[in-house]
Amino acid sequence: MAIRAIFKELYQFRSHIITLFSNEFKSSYRGTVLGVFWNIVLPLVPITVYFFLVMVRVFPSRDGLPPAVYIGFNVMLWYLFTGLINRPISIVRSKASSSMKTSLPLSAEIAASFAQLTFDTLVRVCMVVVLVISFAAWPVANFLQVLGVLLSLAGGLVFAMSLGLLLSIFNIVYTDTQRLVTIILQYGLFLSGVIFPVSAMGPLVVFEVYNPFCVFISAARDYLFHGSYEHPMALYAWSGFSLVLFLLGVRFFYVMEQRIRGVV
């Protein structure tokens, strides 16, 4: 019921979502000299920083991939997943009070912020494609491996979005939640195999299967470029857990939003 209600809200307020995204997109460069150029350049900054470190040979080749492709692909997914966590927390925190005075649901506000995240991700995808072509790191073309990539991406997206919905409500009650999430994600970047493989971190190798971000990112990368993943059972387990978390997260978010708005 909660899932059906939220999708109904998104469809009902689809024009508002488009307007919110358009306003946010324009406001991000309004008054600047270079204009929309910033919306294209800024999402690329995280990847280009690591790319320059690769050029000065700070990072060696990893898992048979050129370091630029390895890190570029990982960073792209990392910022996508963490964006799905951080944006609901920020939106609900800033819009919770005003939501009681308007008919626009928080789900529409979050969806609009996801639109900006989607645009940023598409820009980063284009950058990764350029790196793949430049270094001739061609993906494996096989139907089963494509399914592996899709499962990895779907599992990661569902897990991150569900976690974001849950934490966005917790952050209203416990305002330290957002700060704790920020700190955890800062360390999580290194414990998720984004920069260095977790398998090369000695005792921290346990995170290779017990850190869902590491599993989803590594599985998507390995299926795409190598055709197989070393820990398929970990991928299946975390994908199943993500589905359960999604059902709980949507239900919890929907019920709490109604209470915040004073509906129930």
C-alpha atoms as a PDB file:
ATOM      1  CA  MET A   1       0.000   0.000   0.000  1.00  0.00           C
ATOM      2  CA  ALA A   2       2.817   2.371   0.905  1.00  0.00           C
ATOM      3  CA  ILE A   3       4.640   1.703  -2.368  1.00  0.00           C
ATOM      4  CA  ARG A   4       1.467   2.196  -4.362  1.00  0.00           C
ATOM      5  CA  ALA A   5       0.682   5.440  -2.494  1.00  0.00           C
ATOM      6  CA  ILE A   6       4.162   6.889  -3.062  1.00  0.00           C
ATOM      7  CA  PHE A   7       4.150   6.071  -6.774  1.00  0.00           C
ATOM      8  CA  LYS A   8       0.702   7.657  -6.984  1.00  0.00           C
ATOM      9  CA  GLU A   9       2.113  10.802  -5.344  1.00  0.00           C
ATOM     10  CA  LEU A  10       5.026  10.911  -7.768  1.00  0.00           C
ATOM     11  CA  TYR A  11       2.713  10.573 -10.750  1.00  0.00           C
ATOM     12  CA  GLN A  12       0.275  13.163  -9.400  1.00  0.00           C
ATOM     13  CA  PHE A  13       3.022  15.722  -8.762  1.00  0.00           C
ATOM     14  CA  ARG A  14       5.185  14.880 -11.799  1.00  0.00           C
ATOM     15  CA  SER A  15       4.901  18.423 -13.177  1.00  0.00           C
ATOM     16  CA  HIS A  16       6.009  19.847  -9.820  1.00  0.00           C
ATOM     17  CA  ILE A  17       8.991  17.483  -9.784  1.00  0.00           C
ATOM     18  CA  ILE A  18      10.066  18.673 -13.232  1.00  0.00           C
ATOM     19  CA  THR A  19       9.673  22.298 -12.140  1.00  0.00           C
ATOM     20  CA  LEU A  20      11.662  21.726  -8.939  1.00  0.00           C
ATOM     21  CA  PHE A  21      14.467  20.062 -10.861  1.00  0.00           C
ATOM     22  CA  SER A  22      14.516  22.856 -13.442  1.00  0.00           C
ATOM     23  CA  ASN A  23      14.644  25.532 -10.741  1.00  0.00           C
ATOM     24  CA  GLU A  24      17.386  23.735  -8.820  1.00  0.00           C
ATOM     25  CA  PHE A  25      19.379  23.162 -12.000  1.00  0.00           C
ATOM     26  CA  LYS A  26      19.167  26.819 -13.017  1.00  0.00           C
ATOM     27  CA  SER A  27      19.789  28.217  -9.535  1.00  0.00           C
ATOM     28  CA  SER A  28      23.046  26.258  -9.297  1.00  0.00           C
ATOM     29  CA  TYR A  29      24.627  28.442 -11.998  1.00  0.00           C
ATOM     30  CA  ARG A  30      22.453  31.587 -11.919  1.00  0.00           C
ATOM     31  CA  GLY A  31      24.638  34.681 -11.647  1.00  0.00           C
ATOM     32  CA  THR A  32      27.820  32.889 -12.726  1.00  0.00           C
ATOM     33  CA  VAL A  33      29.902  33.798 -15.768  1.00  0.00           C
ATOM     34  CA  LEU A  34      30.224  30.294 -17.207  1.00  0.00           C
ATOM     35  CA  GLY A  35      26.578  29.350 -16.581  1.00  0.00           C
ATOM     36  CA  VAL A  36      25.492  25.763 -17.280  1.00  0.00           C
ATOM     37  CA  PHE A  37      29.131  24.834 -17.853  1.00  0.00           C
ATOM     38  CA  TRP A  38      29.422  24.394 -14.055  1.00  0.00           C
ATOM     39  CA  ASN A  39      26.688  21.734 -14.031  1.00  0.00           C
ATOM     40  CA  ILE A  40      28.792  19.656 -16.380  1.00  0.00           C
ATOM     41  CA  VAL A  41      32.221  20.303 -14.873  1.00  0.00           C
ATOM     42  CA  LEU A  42      31.518  19.975 -11.135  1.00  0.00           C
ATOM     43  CA  PRO A  43      30.284  16.331 -11.280  1.00  0.00           C
ATOM     44  CA  LEU A  44      33.546  15.442 -13.042  1.00  0.00           C
ATOM     45  CA  VAL A  45      35.830  16.946 -10.404  1.00  0.00           C
ATOM     46  CA  PRO A  46      35.981  13.817  -8.159  1.00  0.00           C
ATOM     47  CA  ILE A  47      36.953  11.621 -11.118  1.00  0.00           C
ATOM     48  CA  THR A  48      39.468  14.077 -12.571  1.00  0.00           C
ATOM     49  CA  VAL A  49      41.223  14.444  -9.202  1.00  0.00           C
ATOM     50  CA  TYR A  50      41.942  10.712  -9.102  1.00  0.00           C
ATOM     51  CA  PHE A  51      42.719  10.708 -12.816  1.00  0.00           C
ATOM     52  CA  PHE A  52      45.551  13.189 -12.291  1.00  0.00           C
ATOM     53  CA  LEU A  53      46.864  11.038  -9.424  1.00  0.00           C
ATOM     54  CA  VAL A  54      46.853   8.118 -11.842  1.00  0.00           C
ATOM     55  CA  MET A  55      48.812  10.153 -14.373  1.00  0.00           C
ATOM     56  CA  VAL A  56      51.583  10.771 -11.833  1.00  0.00           C
ATOM     57  CA  ARG A  57      51.584   7.015 -11.133  1.00  0.00           C
ATOM     58  CA  VAL A  58      50.262   7.165  -7.577  1.00  0.00           C
ATOM     59  CA  PHE A  59      47.935   4.220  -8.289  1.00  0.00           C
ATOM     60  CA  PRO A  60      49.141   0.996  -9.937  1.00  0.00           C
ATOM     61  CA  SER A  61      47.053  -1.181 -12.237  1.00  0.00           C
ATOM     62  CA  ARG A  62      44.306  -3.058 -10.361  1.00  0.00           C
ATOM     63  CA  ASP A  63      42.508  -6.285 -11.237  1.00  0.00           C
ATOM     64  CA  GLY A  64      43.812  -6.208 -14.792  1.00  0.00           C
ATOM     65  CA  LEU A  65      42.248  -2.802 -15.479  1.00  0.00           C
ATOM     66  CA  PRO A  66      43.999   0.499 -16.185  1.00  0.00           C
ATOM     67  CA  PRO A  67      43.924   2.457 -12.891  1.00  0.00           C
ATOM     68  CA  ALA A  68      42.051   5.361 -14.512  1.00  0.00           C
ATOM     69  CA  VAL A  69      39.208   3.056 -15.605  1.00  0.00           C
ATOM     70  CA  TYR A  70      39.219   1.143 -12.309  1.00  0.00           C
ATOM     71  CA  ILE A  71      38.958   4.257 -10.155  1.00  0.00           C
ATOM     72  CA  GLY A  72      36.736   6.212 -12.561  1.00  0.00           C
ATOM     73  CA  PHE A  73      34.127   3.445 -12.668  1.00  0.00           C
ATOM     74  CA  ASN A  74      34.228   2.925  -8.902  1.00  0.00           C
ATOM     75  CA  VAL A  75      33.991   6.633  -8.084  1.00  0.00           C
ATOM     76  CA  MET A  76      31.042   7.034 -10.451  1.00  0.00           C
ATOM     77  CA  LEU A  77      29.070   4.315  -8.630  1.00  0.00           C
ATOM     78  CA  TRP A  78      30.209   5.488  -5.192  1.00  0.00           C
ATOM     79  CA  TYR A  79      28.853   9.007  -5.710  1.00  0.00           C
ATOM     80  CA  LEU A  80      25.641   7.597  -7.169  1.00  0.00           C
ATOM     81  CA  PHE A  81      25.032   5.324  -4.184  1.00  0.00           C
ATOM     82  CA  THR A  82      26.031   7.883  -1.552  1.00  0.00           C
ATOM     83  CA  GLY A  83      23.927  10.515  -3.304  1.00  0.00           C
ATOM     84  CA  LEU A  84      20.884   8.271  -2.909  1.00  0.00           C
ATOM     85  CA  ILE A  85      21.616   8.216   0.827  1.00  0.00           C
ATOM     86  CA  ASN A  86      22.557  11.838   1.432  1.00  0.00           C
ATOM     87  CA  ARG A  87      19.919  13.599  -0.640  1.00  0.00           C
ATOM     88  CA  PRO A  88      16.835  12.198   1.156  1.00  0.00           C
ATOM     89  CA  ILE A  89      18.441  13.074   4.505  1.00  0.00           C
ATOM     90  CA  SER A  90      19.091  16.672   3.440  1.00  0.00           C
ATOM     91  CA  ILE A  91      15.733  17.148   1.715  1.00  0.00           C
ATOM     92  CA  VAL A  92      13.601  15.770   4.557  1.00  0.00           C
ATOM     93  CA  ARG A  93      15.547  17.787   7.124  1.00  0.00           C
ATOM     94  CA  SER A  94      15.106  21.056   5.219  1.00  0.00           C
ATOM     95  CA  LYS A  95      11.547  20.476   3.982  1.00  0.00           C
ATOM     96  CA  ALA A  96       9.917  18.711   6.951  1.00  0.00           C
ATOM     97  CA  SER A  97       8.525  21.919   8.459  1.00  0.00           C
ATOM     98  CA  SER A  98       7.286  23.410   5.204  1.00  0.00           C
ATOM     99  CA  SER A  99       5.671  20.114   4.181  1.00  0.00           C
ATOM    100  CA  MET A 100       2.986  20.668   6.816  1.00  0.00           C
ATOM    101  CA  LYS A 101       1.929  23.879   5.029  1.00  0.00           C
ATOM    102  CA  THR A 102       1.759  22.555   1.477  1.00  0.00           C
ATOM    103  CA  SER A 103       0.258  19.630  -0.391  1.00  0.00           C
ATOM    104  CA  LEU A 104       3.585  18.761  -2.041  1.00  0.00           C
ATOM    105  CA  PRO A 105       4.760  15.472  -0.483  1.00  0.00           C
ATOM    106  CA  LEU A 106       8.319  14.867   0.639  1.00  0.00           C
ATOM    107  CA  SER A 107       8.552  12.026  -1.877  1.00  0.00           C
ATOM    108  CA  ALA A 108       8.206  14.579  -4.704  1.00  0.00           C
ATOM    109  CA  GLU A 109      10.919  16.765  -3.176  1.00  0.00           C
ATOM    110  CA  ILE A 110      13.246  13.766  -2.951  1.00  0.00           C
ATOM    111  CA  ALA A 111      12.434  12.664  -6.501  1.00  0.00           C
ATOM    112  CA  ALA A 112      13.364  16.131  -7.776  1.00  0.00           C
ATOM    113  CA  SER A 113      16.717  15.893  -6.011  1.00  0.00           C
ATOM    114  CA  PHE A 114      17.244  12.457  -7.570  1.00  0.00           C
ATOM    115  CA  ALA A 115      16.748  14.078 -10.970  1.00  0.00           C
ATOM    116  CA  GLN A 116      19.792  16.276 -10.322  1.00  0.00           C
ATOM    117  CA  LEU A 117      21.709  13.224  -9.113  1.00  0.00           C
ATOM    118  CA  THR A 118      20.746  11.390 -12.299  1.00  0.00           C
ATOM    119  CA  PHE A 119      22.078  14.240 -14.430  1.00  0.00           C
ATOM    120  CA  ASP A 120      25.357  14.303 -12.476  1.00  0.00           C
ATOM    121  CA  THR A 121      25.684  10.534 -12.898  1.00  0.00           C
ATOM    122  CA  LEU A 122      25.101  10.718 -16.655  1.00  0.00           C
ATOM    123  CA  VAL A 123      27.901  13.278 -16.908  1.00  0.00           C
ATOM    124  CA  ARG A 124      30.213  10.941 -14.976  1.00  0.00           C
ATOM    125  CA  VAL A 125      29.160   7.982 -17.144  1.00  0.00           C
ATOM    126  CA  CYS A 126      30.237   9.933 -20.223  1.00  0.00           C
ATOM    127  CA  MET A 127      33.604  10.566 -18.570  1.00  0.00           C
ATOM    128  CA  VAL A 128      34.035   6.861 -17.792  1.00  0.00           C
ATOM    129  CA  VAL A 129      33.135   5.948 -21.382  1.00  0.00           C
ATOM    130  CA  VAL A 130      35.863   8.312 -22.581  1.00  0.00           C
ATOM    131  CA  LEU A 131      38.346   6.613 -20.227  1.00  0.00           C
ATOM    132  CA  VAL A 132      37.290   3.134 -21.397  1.00  0.00           C
ATOM    133  CA  ILE A 133      37.805   4.126 -25.039  1.00  0.00           C
ATOM    134  CA  SER A 134      41.076   5.930 -24.311  1.00  0.00           C
ATOM    135  CA  PHE A 135      42.615   2.965 -22.482  1.00  0.00           C
ATOM    136  CA  ALA A 136      40.886   0.295 -24.614  1.00  0.00           C
ATOM    137  CA  ALA A 137      39.477  -1.447 -21.547  1.00  0.00           C
ATOM    138  CA  TRP A 138      36.569  -3.039 -23.382  1.00  0.00           C
ATOM    139  CA  PRO A 139      33.652  -4.594 -21.461  1.00  0.00           C
ATOM    140  CA  VAL A 140      32.784  -8.259 -21.859  1.00  0.00           C
ATOM    141  CA  ALA A 141      29.827  -8.854 -24.184  1.00  0.00           C
ATOM    142  CA  ASN A 142      27.824 -11.759 -22.775  1.00  0.00           C
ATOM    143  CA  PHE A 143      24.139 -12.022 -21.862  1.00  0.00           C
ATOM    144  CA  LEU A 144      24.728 -13.668 -18.473  1.00  0.00           C
ATOM    145  CA  GLN A 145      27.354 -11.118 -17.536  1.00  0.00           C
ATOM    146  CA  VAL A 146      24.982  -8.303 -18.498  1.00  0.00           C
ATOM    147  CA  LEU A 147      22.470  -9.784 -16.071  1.00  0.00           C
ATOM    148  CA  GLY A 148      25.186  -9.765 -13.405  1.00  0.00           C
ATOM    149  CA  VAL A 149      25.865  -6.080 -14.027  1.00  0.00           C
ATOM    150  CA  LEU A 150      22.160  -5.233 -13.913  1.00  0.00           C
ATOM    151  CA  LEU A 151      21.666  -7.185 -10.664  1.00  0.00           C
ATOM    152  CA  SER A 152      24.656  -5.433  -9.092  1.00  0.00           C
ATOM    153  CA  LEU A 153      23.447  -1.986 -10.099  1.00  0.00           C
ATOM    154  CA  ALA A 154      19.825  -2.662  -9.135  1.00  0.00           C
ATOM    155  CA  GLY A 155      20.845  -4.083  -5.767  1.00  0.00           C
ATOM    156  CA  GLY A 156      23.105  -1.125  -5.026  1.00  0.00           C
ATOM    157  CA  LEU A 157      20.506   1.442  -6.081  1.00  0.00           C
ATOM    158  CA  VAL A 158      17.725  -0.171  -4.048  1.00  0.00           C
ATOM    159  CA  PHE A 159      19.953  -0.613  -0.989  1.00  0.00           C
ATOM    160  CA  ALA A 160      21.216   2.977  -1.037  1.00  0.00           C
ATOM    161  CA  MET A 161      17.795   4.522  -1.677  1.00  0.00           C
ATOM    162  CA  SER A 162      16.162   2.436   1.056  1.00  0.00           C
ATOM    163  CA  LEU A 163      18.878   3.379   3.520  1.00  0.00           C
ATOM    164  CA  GLY A 164      18.452   7.039   2.568  1.00  0.00           C
ATOM    165  CA  LEU A 165      14.693   6.938   3.222  1.00  0.00           C
ATOM    166  CA  LEU A 166      15.154   5.301   6.619  1.00  0.00           C
ATOM    167  CA  LEU A 167      17.944   7.613   7.739  1.00  0.00           C
ATOM    168  CA  SER A 168      16.073  10.707   6.544  1.00  0.00           C
ATOM    169  CA  ILE A 169      13.370  10.019   9.136  1.00  0.00           C
ATOM    170  CA  PHE A 170      15.850   9.093  11.860  1.00  0.00           C
ATOM    171  CA  ASN A 171      17.642  12.383  11.195  1.00  0.00           C
ATOM    172  CA  ILE A 172      14.536  14.338  12.179  1.00  0.00           C
ATOM    173  CA  VAL A 173      14.414  12.616  15.561  1.00  0.00           C
ATOM    174  CA  TYR A 174      18.169  12.333  16.094  1.00  0.00           C
ATOM    175  CA  THR A 175      19.849  15.283  14.394  1.00  0.00           C
ATOM    176  CA  ASP A 176      23.285  13.717  14.800  1.00  0.00           C
ATOM    177  CA  THR A 177      22.362  11.098  12.202  1.00  0.00           C
ATOM    178  CA  GLN A 178      23.452  13.182   9.211  1.00  0.00           C
ATOM    179  CA  ARG A 179      26.818  13.966  10.780  1.00  0.00           C
ATOM    180  CA  LEU A 180      27.426  10.316  11.618  1.00  0.00           C
ATOM    181  CA  VAL A 181      26.495   9.289   8.077  1.00  0.00           C
ATOM    182  CA  THR A 182      28.938  11.837   6.657  1.00  0.00           C
ATOM    183  CA  ILE A 183      31.782  10.494   8.804  1.00  0.00           C
ATOM    184  CA  ILE A 184      30.985   6.852   8.029  1.00  0.00           C
ATOM    185  CA  LEU A 185      30.846   7.502   4.298  1.00  0.00           C
ATOM    186  CA  GLN A 186      34.181   9.332   4.400  1.00  0.00           C
ATOM    187  CA  TYR A 187      35.838   6.189   5.748  1.00  0.00           C
ATOM    188  CA  GLY A 188      33.554   3.989   3.681  1.00  0.00           C
ATOM    189  CA  LEU A 189      35.179   5.296   0.507  1.00  0.00           C
ATOM    190  CA  PHE A 190      38.340   3.376   1.404  1.00  0.00           C
ATOM    191  CA  LEU A 191      36.557   0.362   2.908  1.00  0.00           C
ATOM    192  CA  SER A 192      34.461  -0.186  -0.223  1.00  0.00           C
ATOM    193  CA  GLY A 193      37.287  -0.872  -2.660  1.00  0.00           C
ATOM    194  CA  VAL A 194      36.728   2.390  -4.518  1.00  0.00           C
ATOM    195  CA  ILE A 195      40.379   3.470  -4.548  1.00  0.00           C
ATOM    196  CA  PHE A 196      42.253   0.353  -3.423  1.00  0.00           C
ATOM    197  CA  PRO A 197      40.987  -3.254  -3.548  1.00  0.00           C
ATOM    198  CA  VAL A 198      39.856  -4.376  -0.106  1.00  0.00           C
ATOM    199  CA  SER A 199      41.581  -7.702  -0.758  1.00  0.00           C
ATOM    200  CA  ALA A 200      44.915  -5.861  -0.509  1.00  0.00           C
ATOM    201  CA  MET A 201      44.147  -4.386   2.938  1.00  0.00           C
ATOM    202  CA  GLY A 202      45.143  -7.332   5.122  1.00  0.00           C
ATOM    203  CA  PRO A 203      42.680  -7.855   8.004  1.00  0.00           C
ATOM    204  CA  LEU A 204      40.184  -5.471   6.380  1.00  0.00           C
ATOM    205  CA  VAL A 205      39.577  -8.058   3.657  1.00  0.00           C
ATOM    206  CA  VAL A 206      36.446  -9.068   5.602  1.00  0.00           C
ATOM    207  CA  PHE A 207      34.759  -5.965   4.165  1.00  0.00           C
ATOM    208  CA  GLU A 208      34.991  -7.557   0.729  1.00  0.00           C
ATOM    209  CA  VAL A 209      31.815  -9.555   1.394  1.00  0.00           C
ATOM    210  CA  TYR A 210      30.352  -7.877   4.494  1.00  0.00           C
ATOM    211  CA  ASN A 211      30.325  -4.338   3.096  1.00  0.00           C
ATOM    212  CA  PRO A 212      27.358  -4.076   0.686  1.00  0.00           C
ATOM    213  CA  PHE A 213      28.864  -1.104  -1.154  1.00  0.00           C
ATOM    214  CA  CYS A 214      32.047  -3.075  -1.790  1.00  0.00           C
ATOM    215  CA  VAL A 215      30.003  -6.048  -3.034  1.00  0.00           C
ATOM    216  CA  PHE A 216      27.785  -4.045  -5.406  1.00  0.00           C
ATOM    217  CA  ILE A 217      30.604  -1.900  -6.824  1.00  0.00           C
ATOM    218  CA  SER A 218      33.052  -4.790  -7.220  1.00  0.00           C
ATOM    219  CA  ALA A 219      30.400  -7.068  -8.735  1.00  0.00           C
ATOM    220  CA  ALA A 220      29.272  -4.455 -11.271  1.00  0.00           C
ATOM    221  CA  ARG A 221      32.876  -3.740 -12.277  1.00  0.00           C
ATOM    222  CA  ASP A 222      33.994  -7.376 -12.446  1.00  0.00           C
ATOM    223  CA  TYR A 223      30.950  -8.569 -14.377  1.00  0.00           C
ATOM    224  CA  LEU A 224      31.315  -5.682 -16.822  1.00  0.00           C
ATOM    225  CA  PHE A 225      35.028  -5.956 -17.514  1.00  0.00           C
ATOM    226  CA  HIS A 226      35.885  -9.568 -16.615  1.00  0.00           C
ATOM    227  CA  GLY A 227      32.625 -11.460 -17.073  1.00  0.00           C
ATOM    228  CA  SER A 228      32.529 -12.963 -13.576  1.00  0.00           C
ATOM    229  CA  TYR A 229      32.518 -12.058  -9.887  1.00  0.00           C
ATOM    230  CA  GLU A 230      34.477 -13.871  -7.187  1.00  0.00           C
ATOM    231  CA  HIS A 231      31.724 -13.762  -4.528  1.00  0.00           C
ATOM    232  CA  PRO A 232      28.367 -14.310  -6.276  1.00  0.00           C
ATOM    233  CA  MET A 233      26.662 -15.594  -3.100  1.00  0.00           C
ATOM    234  CA  ALA A 234      27.480 -12.325  -1.337  1.00  0.00           C
ATOM    235  CA  LEU A 235      25.874 -10.449  -4.226  1.00  0.00           C
ATOM    236  CA  TYR A 236      22.730 -12.590  -4.076  1.00  0.00           C
ATOM    237  CA  ALA A 237      22.505 -12.245  -0.290  1.00  0.00           C
ATOM    238  CA  TRP A 238      22.895  -8.468  -0.288  1.00  0.00           C
ATOM    239  CA  SER A 239      20.479  -8.105  -3.212  1.00  0.00           C
ATOM    240  CA  GLY A 240      17.835 -10.042  -1.288  1.00  0.00           C
ATOM    241  CA  PHE A 241      18.497  -7.977   1.819  1.00  0.00           C
ATOM    242  CA  SER A 242      18.154  -4.805  -0.263  1.00  0.00           C
ATOM    243  CA  LEU A 243      14.697  -5.857  -1.407  1.00  0.00           C
ATOM    244  CA  VAL A 244      13.567  -6.472   2.179  1.00  0.00           C
ATOM    245  CA  LEU A 245      15.116  -3.162   3.259  1.00  0.00           C
ATOM    246  CA  PHE A 246      13.262  -1.407   0.444  1.00  0.00           C
ATOM    247  CA  LEU A 247       9.894  -2.736   1.581  1.00  0.00           C
ATOM    248  CA  LEU A 248      10.603  -1.715   5.175  1.00  0.00           C
ATOM    249  CA  GLY A 249      12.095   1.632   4.197  1.00  0.00           C
ATOM    250  CA  VAL A 250       9.208   2.707   1.974  1.00  0.00           C
ATOM    251  CA  ARG A 251       6.649   1.631   4.568  1.00  0.00           C
ATOM    252  CA  PHE A 252       8.469   3.421   7.388  1.00  0.00           C
ATOM    253  CA  PHE A 253       8.987   6.575   5.327  1.00  0.00           C
ATOM    254  CA  TYR A 254       5.364   6.726   4.174  1.00  0.00           C
ATOM    255  CA  VAL A 255       3.892   6.253   7.661  1.00  0.00           C
ATOM    256  CA  MET A 256       6.250   8.753   9.289  1.00  0.00           C
ATOM    257  CA  GLU A 257       5.639  11.343   6.578  1.00  0.00           C
ATOM    258  CA  GLN A 258       1.915  11.157   7.246  1.00  0.00           C
ATOM    259  CA  ARG A 259       2.585  11.766  10.914  1.00  0.00           C
ATOM    260  CA  ILE A 260       4.932  14.642  10.200  1.00  0.00           C
ATOM    261  CA  ARG A 261       2.281  16.226   8.023  1.00  0.00           C
ATOM    262  CA  GLY A 262      -0.329  15.605  10.700  1.00  0.00           C
ATOM    263  CA  VAL A 263      -2.419  13.329   8.492  1.00  0.00           C
ATOM    264  CA  VAL A 264      -2.506  10.469  11.022  1.00  0.00           C
END
